Amino acid sequence: MQKAPGKSYREGLTLIEMMDMFPTEESAVEWFENCIWPDGKRICPKCKSDQTRQVPNAKPMPYWCKSCQSYFSVRTGTPMARSNIPMRKWAIGIYLCVTSLKSVSSMKLHRDLGITQPSAWFMMHRIREAWAGDHGNPLDGPAEIDESFFGGNGKTNPIPKGRNLPVAVRLT
């Protein structure tokens, strides 16, 4: 039996496991590529074409799209775009942000990752921006509210004291 409010029963990735996952920069790049292109088929982030090829020694843009004739990387079109921070530090920074209850400060990232405070601030805002995403209006689409009671004792509330009105609403 679990007692509130502790969350000790939750399991997750430890910091040691995280570091073992990304021993090198190449392992971090490979992990991000598997996240962005899960089926292994590389897609151009600019034109969504799958006619791409790897370009040897073309850092920082190691891929070429035949359709739009442009170079791209795993960073293109992501919060990591136009960043010189290594992918390994991005992975560890994301881990630190999402495993902390109230996120982390840019000063903590600066100290933990060995980057400048402005770079850490940039990273934090990019991570938060990615997490917020564009999920649209939360009330878009169907919503159903049943057996809800609205009312109360407020001075501006026209409902008499002690009388709550049952409401059943269906938005489509």
Protein backbone atom coordinates (compact mmCIF):
# COMPACT_ATOMS: atom_id res chain seq x y z
CA MET A 1 0.00 0.00 0.00
CA GLN A 2 1.31 3.41 -0.98
CA LYS A 3 1.01 6.41 1.26
CA ALA A 4 0.58 9.91 -0.04
CA PRO A 5 2.27 12.25 -0.82
CA GLY A 6 5.48 10.29 -1.47
CA LYS A 7 6.33 9.17 -4.97
CA SER A 8 9.10 6.74 -4.02
CA TYR A 9 7.33 3.89 -5.82
CA ARG A 10 7.90 5.54 -9.19
CA GLU A 11 10.71 4.16 -11.26
CA GLY A 12 12.76 6.09 -13.74
CA LEU A 13 16.15 6.57 -15.24
CA THR A 14 18.94 7.30 -12.78
CA LEU A 15 21.63 9.85 -13.50
CA ILE A 16 24.19 7.04 -13.79
CA GLU A 17 22.01 5.22 -16.35
CA MET A 18 21.62 8.50 -18.22
CA MET A 19 25.37 9.00 -18.40
CA ASP A 20 25.83 5.38 -19.53
CA MET A 21 23.30 5.97 -22.33
CA PHE A 22 25.37 8.85 -23.68
CA PRO A 23 29.06 8.04 -23.21
CA THR A 24 29.94 9.89 -26.43
CA GLU A 25 28.58 12.69 -28.60
CA GLU A 26 27.87 10.17 -31.37
CA SER A 27 25.64 8.09 -29.08
CA ALA A 28 23.62 11.21 -28.23
CA VAL A 29 23.24 12.15 -31.90
CA GLU A 30 22.15 8.59 -32.71
CA TRP A 31 19.58 8.66 -29.89
CA PHE A 32 18.12 11.98 -31.08
CA GLU A 33 17.98 10.66 -34.66
CA ASN A 34 16.08 7.59 -33.46
CA CYS A 35 13.63 9.88 -31.65
CA ILE A 36 13.08 12.16 -34.64
CA TRP A 37 13.11 9.42 -37.30
CA PRO A 38 11.82 6.38 -35.35
CA ASP A 39 11.38 4.13 -38.38
CA GLY A 40 14.96 4.78 -39.48
CA LYS A 41 13.85 6.65 -42.60
CA ARG A 42 15.43 10.08 -42.65
CA ILE A 43 12.99 12.87 -43.61
CA CYS A 44 14.00 16.39 -44.64
CA PRO A 45 12.60 18.81 -42.03
CA LYS A 46 12.22 21.55 -44.65
CA CYS A 47 10.26 19.81 -47.43
CA LYS A 48 9.33 16.47 -45.76
CA SER A 49 10.97 14.50 -48.57
CA ASP A 50 12.56 11.12 -47.95
CA GLN A 51 15.05 11.52 -50.81
CA THR A 52 17.99 12.24 -48.56
CA ARG A 53 21.54 11.02 -48.34
CA GLN A 54 24.41 11.26 -45.92
CA VAL A 55 27.23 13.58 -46.85
CA PRO A 56 30.64 12.53 -45.55
CA ASN A 57 32.58 15.19 -43.65
CA ALA A 58 29.78 17.75 -43.95
CA LYS A 59 29.60 18.95 -40.36
CA PRO A 60 27.49 20.45 -38.93
CA MET A 61 24.94 19.51 -41.63
CA PRO A 62 25.63 15.85 -42.46
CA TYR A 63 22.55 15.20 -44.64
CA TRP A 64 21.51 16.40 -48.08
CA CYS A 65 17.96 16.57 -49.45
CA LYS A 66 17.70 15.97 -53.17
CA SER A 67 14.21 17.49 -53.41
CA CYS A 68 14.84 20.93 -51.91
CA GLN A 69 18.62 20.79 -52.43
CA SER A 70 19.54 21.79 -48.90
CA TYR A 71 21.66 20.47 -46.09
CA PHE A 72 20.14 19.53 -42.73
CA SER A 73 20.93 17.78 -39.49
CA VAL A 74 19.07 16.21 -36.60
CA ARG A 75 18.96 19.69 -35.04
CA THR A 76 17.19 21.36 -37.99
CA GLY A 77 13.64 22.33 -37.12
CA THR A 78 14.04 21.44 -33.44
CA PRO A 79 14.65 23.56 -30.33
CA MET A 80 18.33 22.63 -30.71
CA ALA A 81 18.61 24.39 -34.08
CA ARG A 82 21.37 26.97 -34.43
CA SER A 83 22.93 25.88 -31.16
CA ASN A 84 26.59 25.05 -30.67
CA ILE A 85 25.88 23.15 -27.45
CA PRO A 86 26.83 19.48 -27.93
CA MET A 87 23.96 17.00 -28.25
CA ARG A 88 25.16 15.08 -25.20
CA LYS A 89 24.76 18.21 -23.08
CA TRP A 90 21.30 18.77 -24.59
CA ALA A 91 20.25 15.23 -23.60
CA ILE A 92 21.55 15.65 -20.05
CA GLY A 93 20.01 19.13 -19.79
CA ILE A 94 16.62 17.79 -20.88
CA TYR A 95 16.92 14.99 -18.33
CA LEU A 96 17.74 17.44 -15.53
CA CYS A 97 14.82 19.69 -16.47
CA VAL A 98 12.16 17.00 -16.71
CA THR A 99 13.20 15.04 -13.64
CA SER A 100 13.20 18.04 -11.34
CA LEU A 101 9.89 18.94 -9.70
CA LYS A 102 10.14 22.62 -10.53
CA SER A 103 12.64 22.44 -13.37
CA VAL A 104 16.13 23.82 -12.80
CA SER A 105 17.65 27.26 -12.96
CA SER A 106 19.98 28.37 -15.69
CA MET A 107 22.69 28.76 -13.04
CA LYS A 108 22.35 25.08 -12.09
CA LEU A 109 22.57 24.02 -15.75
CA HIS A 110 25.55 26.33 -16.19
CA ARG A 111 27.37 24.61 -13.32
CA ASP A 112 26.24 21.03 -14.06
CA LEU A 113 26.90 21.08 -17.82
CA GLY A 114 29.96 23.31 -17.87
CA ILE A 115 28.44 25.87 -20.25
CA THR A 116 28.04 29.62 -19.90
CA GLN A 117 25.03 30.97 -18.01
CA PRO A 118 23.61 32.68 -21.14
CA SER A 119 23.87 29.36 -23.02
CA ALA A 120 22.14 27.60 -20.13
CA TRP A 121 19.40 30.25 -20.15
CA PHE A 122 18.98 29.76 -23.93
CA MET A 123 18.82 25.98 -23.42
CA MET A 124 16.22 26.26 -20.63
CA HIS A 125 13.94 28.43 -22.73
CA ARG A 126 14.24 26.15 -25.73
CA ILE A 127 13.43 23.07 -23.60
CA ARG A 128 10.44 24.81 -22.03
CA GLU A 129 9.27 25.97 -25.46
CA ALA A 130 9.47 22.41 -26.79
CA TRP A 131 7.63 21.03 -23.78
CA ALA A 132 4.86 23.62 -24.09
CA GLY A 133 4.49 22.80 -27.77
CA ASP A 134 1.55 23.88 -29.86
CA HIS A 135 -1.18 21.62 -28.63
CA GLY A 136 -3.91 24.01 -29.77
CA ASN A 137 -6.76 25.20 -27.66
CA PRO A 138 -7.43 22.71 -24.84
CA LEU A 139 -11.16 23.13 -25.45
CA ASP A 140 -10.93 22.33 -29.16
CA GLY A 141 -13.05 19.37 -30.13
CA PRO A 142 -15.69 17.57 -28.10
CA ALA A 143 -15.85 18.07 -24.35
CA GLU A 144 -18.44 16.81 -21.89
CA ILE A 145 -19.18 18.04 -18.39
CA ASP A 146 -21.79 16.18 -16.34
CA GLU A 147 -23.13 16.68 -12.83
CA SER A 148 -21.10 19.81 -12.20
CA PHE A 149 -22.32 22.41 -9.76
CA PHE A 150 -21.67 26.11 -10.24
CA GLY A 151 -22.62 28.77 -7.73
CA GLY A 152 -21.76 29.90 -4.28
CA ASN A 153 -21.75 32.75 -1.82
CA GLY A 154 -19.91 35.44 -3.79
CA LYS A 155 -21.28 38.97 -3.58
CA THR A 156 -21.32 39.28 -7.38
CA ASN A 157 -22.91 35.86 -7.83
CA PRO A 158 -26.65 36.12 -8.61
CA ILE A 159 -27.36 32.62 -7.26
CA PRO A 160 -28.88 32.75 -3.75
CA LYS A 161 -26.79 31.46 -0.85
CA GLY A 162 -26.86 27.69 -0.48
CA ARG A 163 -28.37 27.05 -3.91
CA ASN A 164 -26.10 25.32 -6.44
CA LEU A 165 -27.38 24.68 -9.92
CA PRO A 166 -26.69 21.32 -11.60
CA VAL A 167 -25.30 21.76 -15.08
CA ALA A 168 -24.86 19.28 -17.91
CA VAL A 169 -22.98 20.73 -20.88
CA ARG A 170 -21.88 19.08 -24.09
CA LEU A 171 -19.54 20.99 -26.40
CA THR A 172 -19.05 19.64 -29.90
